[in-house]
Every structure is written in structure tokens, then in C-alpha cells.
Amino acid sequence: MEEIRHATLNLSGCKTLYDLHTRIRDSLDFPDYYGKNWDAFWDCINRDCEYNFITITGESKVADILKESIEMMNELLEKNKQYWHGYFDYEIID
């Protein structure tokens, strides 16, 4: 992996999908046009993200209503890891 550019995404206390996407946008420095949906997340994580290593914390501390969304986020992160094999990675610390 090239130089590590690290970001931490702390999801503790997210109660709504809006909270979750706002936290993602702010933590990963996504552009203002980030659409706060999973298609936009994929576009930004795959093309516009300046970070190549992301640590995610607090997944178990989100509202139950967000569990499915957390699974979607993790699937997209894994897809991005496979796409950028060796140049992008993430870890989940809970």
C-alpha cells in the first residue's frame, strides 16, 4: 500500500439515516454534493475519497433502525477494497 491516508468514522450515537450520512460526509471529507444515499457513498468512496484507510468505530452503538444501513455500508467498503486491491482498506473496531 502506498502512503497511508487515514480517517476515522465514529458512528456512536447515530439515530437516523441522515445522522449516519452526515457523519460519513464529515469524517471522510466528502464533497458538498454528496447525496447522502448509498449510490452517492459508492461514487465518493470509489472516486473522490482522499483516504485509503478507514477505521470505523461505534457500529454497535447506532440505533437498531440503522443496522441494515450499516451492513450496506460495510458491503460497499468491502467492494471498494476488492476494487482497489492493495490500495484501500478499512477496519471495524467496536
PDB file of N, CA and C in Angstrom:
ATOM      1  N   MET A   1       0.852  -1.186   0.000  1.00  0.00           N
ATOM      2  CA  MET A   1       0.000   0.000   0.000  1.00  0.00           C
ATOM      3  C   MET A   1       0.890   1.239   0.000  1.00  0.00           C
ATOM      4  N   GLU A   2       0.474   2.228  -0.744  1.00  0.00           N
ATOM      5  CA  GLU A   2       1.186   3.494  -0.784  1.00  0.00           C
ATOM      6  C   GLU A   2       1.071   4.207   0.561  1.00  0.00           C
ATOM      7  N   GLU A   3       1.466   5.453   0.614  1.00  0.00           N
ATOM      8  CA  GLU A   3       1.364   6.227   1.858  1.00  0.00           C
ATOM      9  C   GLU A   3      -0.049   6.119   2.423  1.00  0.00           C
ATOM     10  N   ILE A   4      -0.138   5.849   3.713  1.00  0.00           N
ATOM     11  CA  ILE A   4      -1.455   5.684   4.342  1.00  0.00           C
ATOM     12  C   ILE A   4      -2.032   7.051   4.683  1.00  0.00           C
ATOM     13  N   ARG A   5      -3.220   7.282   4.157  1.00  0.00           N
ATOM     14  CA  ARG A   5      -4.004   8.472   4.482  1.00  0.00           C
ATOM     15  C   ARG A   5      -5.213   7.956   5.239  1.00  0.00           C
ATOM     16  N   HIS A   6      -5.231   8.174   6.540  1.00  0.00           N
ATOM     17  CA  HIS A   6      -6.166   7.522   7.461  1.00  0.00           C
ATOM     18  C   HIS A   6      -7.280   8.464   7.903  1.00  0.00           C
ATOM     19  N   ALA A   7      -8.478   7.900   7.983  1.00  0.00           N
ATOM     20  CA  ALA A   7      -9.625   8.622   8.547  1.00  0.00           C
ATOM     21  C   ALA A   7     -10.323   7.698   9.535  1.00  0.00           C
ATOM     22  N   THR A   8     -10.947   8.299  10.529  1.00  0.00           N
ATOM     23  CA  THR A   8     -11.749   7.542  11.491  1.00  0.00           C
ATOM     24  C   THR A   8     -13.198   7.986  11.367  1.00  0.00           C
ATOM     25  N   LEU A   9     -14.072   7.010  11.261  1.00  0.00           N
ATOM     26  CA  LEU A   9     -15.510   7.255  11.173  1.00  0.00           C
ATOM     27  C   LEU A   9     -16.147   6.693  12.433  1.00  0.00           C
ATOM     28  N   ASN A  10     -16.548   7.582  13.338  1.00  0.00           N
ATOM     29  CA  ASN A  10     -17.166   7.178  14.599  1.00  0.00           C
ATOM     30  C   ASN A  10     -18.679   7.287  14.451  1.00  0.00           C
ATOM     31  N   LEU A  11     -19.341   6.143  14.517  1.00  0.00           N
ATOM     32  CA  LEU A  11     -20.788   6.103  14.316  1.00  0.00           C
ATOM     33  C   LEU A  11     -21.590   6.104  15.609  1.00  0.00           C
ATOM     34  N   SER A  12     -20.924   6.121  16.739  1.00  0.00           N
ATOM     35  CA  SER A  12     -21.613   6.091  18.037  1.00  0.00           C
ATOM     36  C   SER A  12     -22.685   7.169  18.106  1.00  0.00           C
ATOM     37  N   GLY A  13     -23.875   6.758  18.489  1.00  0.00           N
ATOM     38  CA  GLY A  13     -24.959   7.709  18.716  1.00  0.00           C
ATOM     39  C   GLY A  13     -25.769   8.075  17.490  1.00  0.00           C
ATOM     40  N   CYS A  14     -25.437   7.554  16.308  1.00  0.00           N
ATOM     41  CA  CYS A  14     -26.260   7.855  15.130  1.00  0.00           C
ATOM     42  C   CYS A  14     -27.648   7.258  15.331  1.00  0.00           C
ATOM     43  N   LYS A  15     -28.660   8.094  15.114  1.00  0.00           N
ATOM     44  CA  LYS A  15     -30.033   7.656  15.346  1.00  0.00           C
ATOM     45  C   LYS A  15     -30.861   7.580  14.074  1.00  0.00           C
ATOM     46  N   THR A  16     -30.444   8.309  13.048  1.00  0.00           N
ATOM     47  CA  THR A  16     -31.208   8.335  11.799  1.00  0.00           C
ATOM     48  C   THR A  16     -30.251   8.141  10.628  1.00  0.00           C
ATOM     49  N   LEU A  17     -30.824   7.805   9.490  1.00  0.00           N
ATOM     50  CA  LEU A  17     -30.019   7.668   8.285  1.00  0.00           C
ATOM     51  C   LEU A  17     -29.360   8.995   7.931  1.00  0.00           C
ATOM     52  N   TYR A  18     -30.057  10.086   8.185  1.00  0.00           N
ATOM     53  CA  TYR A  18     -29.475  11.416   7.962  1.00  0.00           C
ATOM     54  C   TYR A  18     -28.236  11.606   8.832  1.00  0.00           C
ATOM     55  N   ASP A  19     -28.333  11.240  10.117  1.00  0.00           N
ATOM     56  CA  ASP A  19     -27.171  11.323  11.014  1.00  0.00           C
ATOM     57  C   ASP A  19     -26.005  10.506  10.477  1.00  0.00           C
ATOM     58  N   LEU A  20     -26.304   9.289  10.047  1.00  0.00           N
ATOM     59  CA  LEU A  20     -25.272   8.392   9.549  1.00  0.00           C
ATOM     60  C   LEU A  20     -24.557   8.989   8.341  1.00  0.00           C
ATOM     61  N   HIS A  21     -25.312   9.451   7.362  1.00  0.00           N
ATOM     62  CA  HIS A  21     -24.685  10.010   6.158  1.00  0.00           C
ATOM     63  C   HIS A  21     -23.977  11.336   6.434  1.00  0.00           C
ATOM     64  N   THR A  22     -24.496  12.114   7.358  1.00  0.00           N
ATOM     65  CA  THR A  22     -23.803  13.351   7.727  1.00  0.00           C
ATOM     66  C   THR A  22     -22.470  13.031   8.378  1.00  0.00           C
ATOM     67  N   ARG A  23     -22.454  12.043   9.250  1.00  0.00           N
ATOM     68  CA  ARG A  23     -21.214  11.620   9.903  1.00  0.00           C
ATOM     69  C   ARG A  23     -20.220  11.097   8.862  1.00  0.00           C
ATOM     70  N   ILE A  24     -20.702  10.314   7.911  1.00  0.00           N
ATOM     71  CA  ILE A  24     -19.845   9.814   6.832  1.00  0.00           C
ATOM     72  C   ILE A  24     -19.255  10.986   6.047  1.00  0.00           C
ATOM     73  N   ARG A  25     -20.111  11.900   5.612  1.00  0.00           N
ATOM     74  CA  ARG A  25     -19.662  13.045   4.813  1.00  0.00           C
ATOM     75  C   ARG A  25     -18.599  13.851   5.542  1.00  0.00           C
ATOM     76  N   ASP A  26     -18.851  14.139   6.808  1.00  0.00           N
ATOM     77  CA  ASP A  26     -17.923  14.972   7.562  1.00  0.00           C
ATOM     78  C   ASP A  26     -16.612  14.247   7.874  1.00  0.00           C
ATOM     79  N   SER A  27     -16.695  12.985   8.250  1.00  0.00           N
ATOM     80  CA  SER A  27     -15.498  12.238   8.633  1.00  0.00           C
ATOM     81  C   SER A  27     -14.600  11.913   7.450  1.00  0.00           C
ATOM     82  N   LEU A  28     -15.204  11.684   6.293  1.00  0.00           N
ATOM     83  CA  LEU A  28     -14.425  11.292   5.120  1.00  0.00           C
ATOM     84  C   LEU A  28     -14.202  12.447   4.151  1.00  0.00           C
ATOM     85  N   ASP A  29     -14.584  13.649   4.580  1.00  0.00           N
ATOM     86  CA  ASP A  29     -14.394  14.853   3.770  1.00  0.00           C
ATOM     87  C   ASP A  29     -14.976  14.707   2.370  1.00  0.00           C
ATOM     88  N   PHE A  30     -16.176  14.125   2.295  1.00  0.00           N
ATOM     89  CA  PHE A  30     -16.835  14.017   1.007  1.00  0.00           C
ATOM     90  C   PHE A  30     -17.248  15.407   0.545  1.00  0.00           C
ATOM     91  N   PRO A  31     -17.358  15.599  -0.757  1.00  0.00           N
ATOM     92  CA  PRO A  31     -17.697  16.926  -1.285  1.00  0.00           C
ATOM     93  C   PRO A  31     -19.122  17.353  -0.916  1.00  0.00           C
ATOM     94  N   ASP A  32     -19.366  18.639  -1.036  1.00  0.00           N
ATOM     95  CA  ASP A  32     -20.670  19.203  -0.692  1.00  0.00           C
ATOM     96  C   ASP A  32     -21.807  18.560  -1.477  1.00  0.00           C
ATOM     97  N   TYR A  33     -21.523  18.079  -2.670  1.00  0.00           N
ATOM     98  CA  TYR A  33     -22.582  17.487  -3.486  1.00  0.00           C
ATOM     99  C   TYR A  33     -22.912  16.046  -3.085  1.00  0.00           C
ATOM    100  N   TYR A  34     -22.273  15.527  -2.026  1.00  0.00           N
ATOM    101  CA  TYR A  34     -22.570  14.166  -1.563  1.00  0.00           C
ATOM    102  C   TYR A  34     -24.070  14.038  -1.319  1.00  0.00           C
ATOM    103  N   GLY A  35     -24.700  13.082  -1.983  1.00  0.00           N
ATOM    104  CA  GLY A  35     -26.158  12.964  -1.982  1.00  0.00           C
ATOM    105  C   GLY A  35     -26.773  12.247  -0.790  1.00  0.00           C
ATOM    106  N   LYS A  36     -25.944  11.789   0.159  1.00  0.00           N
ATOM    107  CA  LYS A  36     -26.439  11.127   1.372  1.00  0.00           C
ATOM    108  C   LYS A  36     -27.342   9.936   1.048  1.00  0.00           C
ATOM    109  N   ASN A  37     -26.859   9.092   0.142  1.00  0.00           N
ATOM    110  CA  ASN A  37     -27.508   7.822  -0.159  1.00  0.00           C
ATOM    111  C   ASN A  37     -26.408   6.850  -0.548  1.00  0.00           C
ATOM    112  N   TRP A  38     -26.743   5.573  -0.717  1.00  0.00           N
ATOM    113  CA  TRP A  38     -25.699   4.566  -0.921  1.00  0.00           C
ATOM    114  C   TRP A  38     -25.077   4.631  -2.309  1.00  0.00           C
ATOM    115  N   ASP A  39     -25.805   5.090  -3.301  1.00  0.00           N
ATOM    116  CA  ASP A  39     -25.190   5.299  -4.617  1.00  0.00           C
ATOM    117  C   ASP A  39     -24.140   6.404  -4.539  1.00  0.00           C
ATOM    118  N   ALA A  40     -24.473   7.477  -3.852  1.00  0.00           N
ATOM    119  CA  ALA A  40     -23.527   8.580  -3.682  1.00  0.00           C
ATOM    120  C   ALA A  40     -22.327   8.145  -2.835  1.00  0.00           C
ATOM    121  N   PHE A  41     -22.575   7.337  -1.820  1.00  0.00           N
ATOM    122  CA  PHE A  41     -21.478   6.816  -0.994  1.00  0.00           C
ATOM    123  C   PHE A  41     -20.503   6.043  -1.870  1.00  0.00           C
ATOM    124  N   TRP A  42     -21.038   5.143  -2.706  1.00  0.00           N
ATOM    125  CA  TRP A  42     -20.171   4.357  -3.588  1.00  0.00           C
ATOM    126  C   TRP A  42     -19.364   5.274  -4.510  1.00  0.00           C
ATOM    127  N   ASP A  43     -20.021   6.237  -5.126  1.00  0.00           N
ATOM    128  CA  ASP A  43     -19.315   7.147  -6.026  1.00  0.00           C
ATOM    129  C   ASP A  43     -18.190   7.876  -5.307  1.00  0.00           C
ATOM    130  N   CYS A  44     -18.459   8.362  -4.111  1.00  0.00           N
ATOM    131  CA  CYS A  44     -17.463   9.137  -3.379  1.00  0.00           C
ATOM    132  C   CYS A  44     -16.353   8.256  -2.811  1.00  0.00           C
ATOM    133  N   ILE A  45     -16.693   7.112  -2.259  1.00  0.00           N
ATOM    134  CA  ILE A  45     -15.669   6.249  -1.664  1.00  0.00           C
ATOM    135  C   ILE A  45     -14.769   5.683  -2.764  1.00  0.00           C
ATOM    136  N   ASN A  46     -15.345   5.461  -3.933  1.00  0.00           N
ATOM    137  CA  ASN A  46     -14.600   4.840  -5.025  1.00  0.00           C
ATOM    138  C   ASN A  46     -13.810   5.840  -5.849  1.00  0.00           C
ATOM    139  N   ARG A  47     -14.276   7.085  -5.938  1.00  0.00           N
ATOM    140  CA  ARG A  47     -13.615   8.060  -6.814  1.00  0.00           C
ATOM    141  C   ARG A  47     -13.066   9.278  -6.105  1.00  0.00           C
ATOM    142  N   ASP A  48     -13.763   9.770  -5.089  1.00  0.00           N
ATOM    143  CA  ASP A  48     -13.436  11.081  -4.532  1.00  0.00           C
ATOM    144  C   ASP A  48     -12.798  11.051  -3.150  1.00  0.00           C
ATOM    145  N   CYS A  49     -12.670   9.890  -2.557  1.00  0.00           N
ATOM    146  CA  CYS A  49     -12.172   9.824  -1.185  1.00  0.00           C
ATOM    147  C   CYS A  49     -10.656   9.951  -1.165  1.00  0.00           C
ATOM    148  N   GLU A  50     -10.157  10.887  -0.386  1.00  0.00           N
ATOM    149  CA  GLU A  50      -8.711  11.084  -0.295  1.00  0.00           C
ATOM    150  C   GLU A  50      -8.061  10.091   0.665  1.00  0.00           C
ATOM    151  N   TYR A  51      -8.862   9.337   1.405  1.00  0.00           N
ATOM    152  CA  TYR A  51      -8.333   8.391   2.388  1.00  0.00           C
ATOM    153  C   TYR A  51      -8.255   6.996   1.792  1.00  0.00           C
ATOM    154  N   ASN A  52      -7.174   6.296   2.121  1.00  0.00           N
ATOM    155  CA  ASN A  52      -7.045   4.923   1.639  1.00  0.00           C
ATOM    156  C   ASN A  52      -7.077   3.911   2.779  1.00  0.00           C
ATOM    157  N   PHE A  53      -7.288   4.394   3.988  1.00  0.00           N
ATOM    158  CA  PHE A  53      -7.506   3.505   5.134  1.00  0.00           C
ATOM    159  C   PHE A  53      -8.508   4.170   6.066  1.00  0.00           C
ATOM    160  N   ILE A  54      -9.584   3.448   6.373  1.00  0.00           N
ATOM    161  CA  ILE A  54     -10.645   3.998   7.212  1.00  0.00           C
ATOM    162  C   ILE A  54     -10.873   3.074   8.396  1.00  0.00           C
ATOM    163  N   THR A  55     -10.885   3.657   9.574  1.00  0.00           N
ATOM    164  CA  THR A  55     -11.243   2.937  10.794  1.00  0.00           C
ATOM    165  C   THR A  55     -12.664   3.333  11.161  1.00  0.00           C
ATOM    166  N   ILE A  56     -13.521   2.328  11.341  1.00  0.00           N
ATOM    167  CA  ILE A  56     -14.911   2.579  11.719  1.00  0.00           C
ATOM    168  C   ILE A  56     -15.103   2.127  13.154  1.00  0.00           C
ATOM    169  N   THR A  57     -15.629   2.998  13.977  1.00  0.00           N
ATOM    170  CA  THR A  57     -15.918   2.675  15.368  1.00  0.00           C
ATOM    171  C   THR A  57     -17.393   2.944  15.657  1.00  0.00           C
ATOM    172  N   GLY A  58     -17.902   2.303  16.690  1.00  0.00           N
ATOM    173  CA  GLY A  58     -19.246   2.589  17.174  1.00  0.00           C
ATOM    174  C   GLY A  58     -20.382   1.953  16.406  1.00  0.00           C
ATOM    175  N   GLU A  59     -20.105   0.969  15.566  1.00  0.00           N
ATOM    176  CA  GLU A  59     -21.200   0.339  14.813  1.00  0.00           C
ATOM    177  C   GLU A  59     -22.261  -0.266  15.727  1.00  0.00           C
ATOM    178  N   SER A  60     -21.843  -0.813  16.851  1.00  0.00           N
ATOM    179  CA  SER A  60     -22.821  -1.438  17.757  1.00  0.00           C
ATOM    180  C   SER A  60     -23.575  -0.399  18.579  1.00  0.00           C
ATOM    181  N   LYS A  61     -23.212   0.866  18.431  1.00  0.00           N
ATOM    182  CA  LYS A  61     -23.839   1.924  19.223  1.00  0.00           C
ATOM    183  C   LYS A  61     -24.720   2.831  18.374  1.00  0.00           C
ATOM    184  N   VAL A  62     -25.182   2.305  17.247  1.00  0.00           N
ATOM    185  CA  VAL A  62     -26.139   3.055  16.436  1.00  0.00           C
ATOM    186  C   VAL A  62     -27.537   2.543  16.754  1.00  0.00           C
ATOM    187  N   ALA A  63     -28.530   3.315  16.400  1.00  0.00           N
ATOM    188  CA  ALA A  63     -29.919   2.906  16.602  1.00  0.00           C
ATOM    189  C   ALA A  63     -30.190   1.623  15.815  1.00  0.00           C
ATOM    190  N   ASP A  64     -31.036   0.771  16.380  1.00  0.00           N
ATOM    191  CA  ASP A  64     -31.362  -0.505  15.737  1.00  0.00           C
ATOM    192  C   ASP A  64     -31.888  -0.326  14.317  1.00  0.00           C
ATOM    193  N   ILE A  65     -32.579   0.754  14.077  1.00  0.00           N
ATOM    194  CA  ILE A  65     -33.148   1.006  12.750  1.00  0.00           C
ATOM    195  C   ILE A  65     -32.062   1.157  11.681  1.00  0.00           C
ATOM    196  N   LEU A  66     -30.817   1.408  12.095  1.00  0.00           N
ATOM    197  CA  LEU A  66     -29.714   1.622  11.151  1.00  0.00           C
ATOM    198  C   LEU A  66     -28.899   0.365  10.865  1.00  0.00           C
ATOM    199  N   LYS A  67     -29.212  -0.742  11.501  1.00  0.00           N
ATOM    200  CA  LYS A  67     -28.401  -1.959  11.343  1.00  0.00           C
ATOM    201  C   LYS A  67     -28.296  -2.388   9.878  1.00  0.00           C
ATOM    202  N   GLU A  68     -29.387  -2.334   9.144  1.00  0.00           N
ATOM    203  CA  GLU A  68     -29.367  -2.695   7.728  1.00  0.00           C
ATOM    204  C   GLU A  68     -28.488  -1.734   6.925  1.00  0.00           C
ATOM    205  N   SER A  69     -28.530  -0.467   7.284  1.00  0.00           N
ATOM    206  CA  SER A  69     -27.695   0.531   6.610  1.00  0.00           C
ATOM    207  C   SER A  69     -26.215   0.305   6.898  1.00  0.00           C
ATOM    208  N   ILE A  70     -25.902  -0.093   8.105  1.00  0.00           N
ATOM    209  CA  ILE A  70     -24.512  -0.393   8.460  1.00  0.00           C
ATOM    210  C   ILE A  70     -24.014  -1.579   7.629  1.00  0.00           C
ATOM    211  N   GLU A  71     -24.867  -2.575   7.457  1.00  0.00           N
ATOM    212  CA  GLU A  71     -24.498  -3.720   6.617  1.00  0.00           C
ATOM    213  C   GLU A  71     -24.225  -3.273   5.180  1.00  0.00           C
ATOM    214  N   MET A  72     -25.057  -2.385   4.658  1.00  0.00           N
ATOM    215  CA  MET A  72     -24.861  -1.871   3.300  1.00  0.00           C
ATOM    216  C   MET A  72     -23.538  -1.107   3.203  1.00  0.00           C
ATOM    217  N   MET A  73     -23.261  -0.264   4.175  1.00  0.00           N
ATOM    218  CA  MET A  73     -22.012   0.489   4.169  1.00  0.00           C
ATOM    219  C   MET A  73     -20.816  -0.465   4.160  1.00  0.00           C
ATOM    220  N   ASN A  74     -20.871  -1.491   5.006  1.00  0.00           N
ATOM    221  CA  ASN A  74     -19.765  -2.444   5.083  1.00  0.00           C
ATOM    222  C   ASN A  74     -19.597  -3.224   3.780  1.00  0.00           C
ATOM    223  N   GLU A  75     -20.707  -3.566   3.134  1.00  0.00           N
ATOM    224  CA  GLU A  75     -20.632  -4.250   1.838  1.00  0.00           C
ATOM    225  C   GLU A  75     -19.954  -3.366   0.794  1.00  0.00           C
ATOM    226  N   LEU A  76     -20.293  -2.084   0.799  1.00  0.00           N
ATOM    227  CA  LEU A  76     -19.686  -1.170  -0.162  1.00  0.00           C
ATOM    228  C   LEU A  76     -18.211  -0.924   0.143  1.00  0.00           C
ATOM    229  N   LEU A  77     -17.865  -0.868   1.420  1.00  0.00           N
ATOM    230  CA  LEU A  77     -16.449  -0.741   1.775  1.00  0.00           C
ATOM    231  C   LEU A  77     -15.662  -1.966   1.316  1.00  0.00           C
ATOM    232  N   GLU A  78     -16.244  -3.141   1.493  1.00  0.00           N
ATOM    233  CA  GLU A  78     -15.583  -4.369   1.048  1.00  0.00           C
ATOM    234  C   GLU A  78     -15.455  -4.387  -0.479  1.00  0.00           C
ATOM    235  N   LYS A  79     -16.494  -3.963  -1.162  1.00  0.00           N
ATOM    236  CA  LYS A  79     -16.452  -3.881  -2.626  1.00  0.00           C
ATOM    237  C   LYS A  79     -15.342  -2.933  -3.077  1.00  0.00           C
ATOM    238  N   ASN A  80     -15.198  -1.817  -2.389  1.00  0.00           N
ATOM    239  CA  ASN A  80     -14.154  -0.849  -2.719  1.00  0.00           C
ATOM    240  C   ASN A  80     -12.770  -1.434  -2.443  1.00  0.00           C
ATOM    241  N   LYS A  81     -12.659  -2.169  -1.358  1.00  0.00           N
ATOM    242  CA  LYS A  81     -11.389  -2.830  -1.033  1.00  0.00           C
ATOM    243  C   LYS A  81     -11.001  -3.800  -2.147  1.00  0.00           C
ATOM    244  N   GLN A  82     -11.953  -4.570  -2.637  1.00  0.00           N
ATOM    245  CA  GLN A  82     -11.671  -5.516  -3.714  1.00  0.00           C
ATOM    246  C   GLN A  82     -11.332  -4.776  -5.021  1.00  0.00           C
ATOM    247  N   TYR A  83     -12.041  -3.701  -5.279  1.00  0.00           N
ATOM    248  CA  TYR A  83     -11.817  -2.918  -6.492  1.00  0.00           C
ATOM    249  C   TYR A  83     -10.415  -2.323  -6.509  1.00  0.00           C
ATOM    250  N   TRP A  84     -10.011  -1.741  -5.380  1.00  0.00           N
ATOM    251  CA  TRP A  84      -8.706  -1.084  -5.269  1.00  0.00           C
ATOM    252  C   TRP A  84      -7.704  -2.006  -4.560  1.00  0.00           C
ATOM    253  N   HIS A  85      -7.747  -3.254  -4.869  1.00  0.00           N
ATOM    254  CA  HIS A  85      -6.921  -4.281  -4.218  1.00  0.00           C
ATOM    255  C   HIS A  85      -5.511  -3.762  -3.895  1.00  0.00           C
ATOM    256  N   GLY A  86      -5.228  -3.706  -2.595  1.00  0.00           N
ATOM    257  CA  GLY A  86      -3.913  -3.266  -2.143  1.00  0.00           C
ATOM    258  C   GLY A  86      -3.759  -1.770  -1.947  1.00  0.00           C
ATOM    259  N   TYR A  87      -4.738  -0.986  -2.396  1.00  0.00           N
ATOM    260  CA  TYR A  87      -4.634   0.472  -2.279  1.00  0.00           C
ATOM    261  C   TYR A  87      -5.686   1.082  -1.359  1.00  0.00           C
ATOM    262  N   PHE A  88      -6.626   0.262  -0.910  1.00  0.00           N
ATOM    263  CA  PHE A  88      -7.661   0.737   0.012  1.00  0.00           C
ATOM    264  C   PHE A  88      -7.951  -0.375   1.001  1.00  0.00           C
ATOM    265  N   ASP A  89      -8.127   0.021   2.266  1.00  0.00           N
ATOM    266  CA  ASP A  89      -8.503  -0.952   3.278  1.00  0.00           C
ATOM    267  C   ASP A  89      -9.285  -0.234   4.371  1.00  0.00           C
ATOM    268  N   TYR A  90      -9.915  -1.020   5.200  1.00  0.00           N
ATOM    269  CA  TYR A  90     -10.666  -0.490   6.330  1.00  0.00           C
ATOM    270  C   TYR A  90     -10.647  -1.500   7.449  1.00  0.00           C
ATOM    271  N   GLU A  91     -10.952  -1.010   8.646  1.00  0.00           N
ATOM    272  CA  GLU A  91     -11.096  -1.892   9.799  1.00  0.00           C
ATOM    273  C   GLU A  91     -12.277  -1.413  10.606  1.00  0.00           C
ATOM    274  N   ILE A  92     -12.936  -2.382  11.249  1.00  0.00           N
ATOM    275  CA  ILE A  92     -14.060  -2.072  12.115  1.00  0.00           C
ATOM    276  C   ILE A  92     -13.631  -2.402  13.524  1.00  0.00           C
ATOM    277  N   ILE A  93     -13.630  -1.392  14.376  1.00  0.00           N
ATOM    278  CA  ILE A  93     -13.303  -1.557  15.790  1.00  0.00           C
ATOM    279  C   ILE A  93     -14.544  -1.180  16.562  1.00  0.00           C
ATOM    280  N   ASP A  94     -15.046  -2.108  17.345  1.00  0.00           N
ATOM    281  CA  ASP A  94     -16.279  -1.792  18.056  1.00  0.00           C
ATOM    282  C   ASP A  94     -16.066  -1.894  19.539  1.00  0.00           C
TER     283      ASP A  94
END
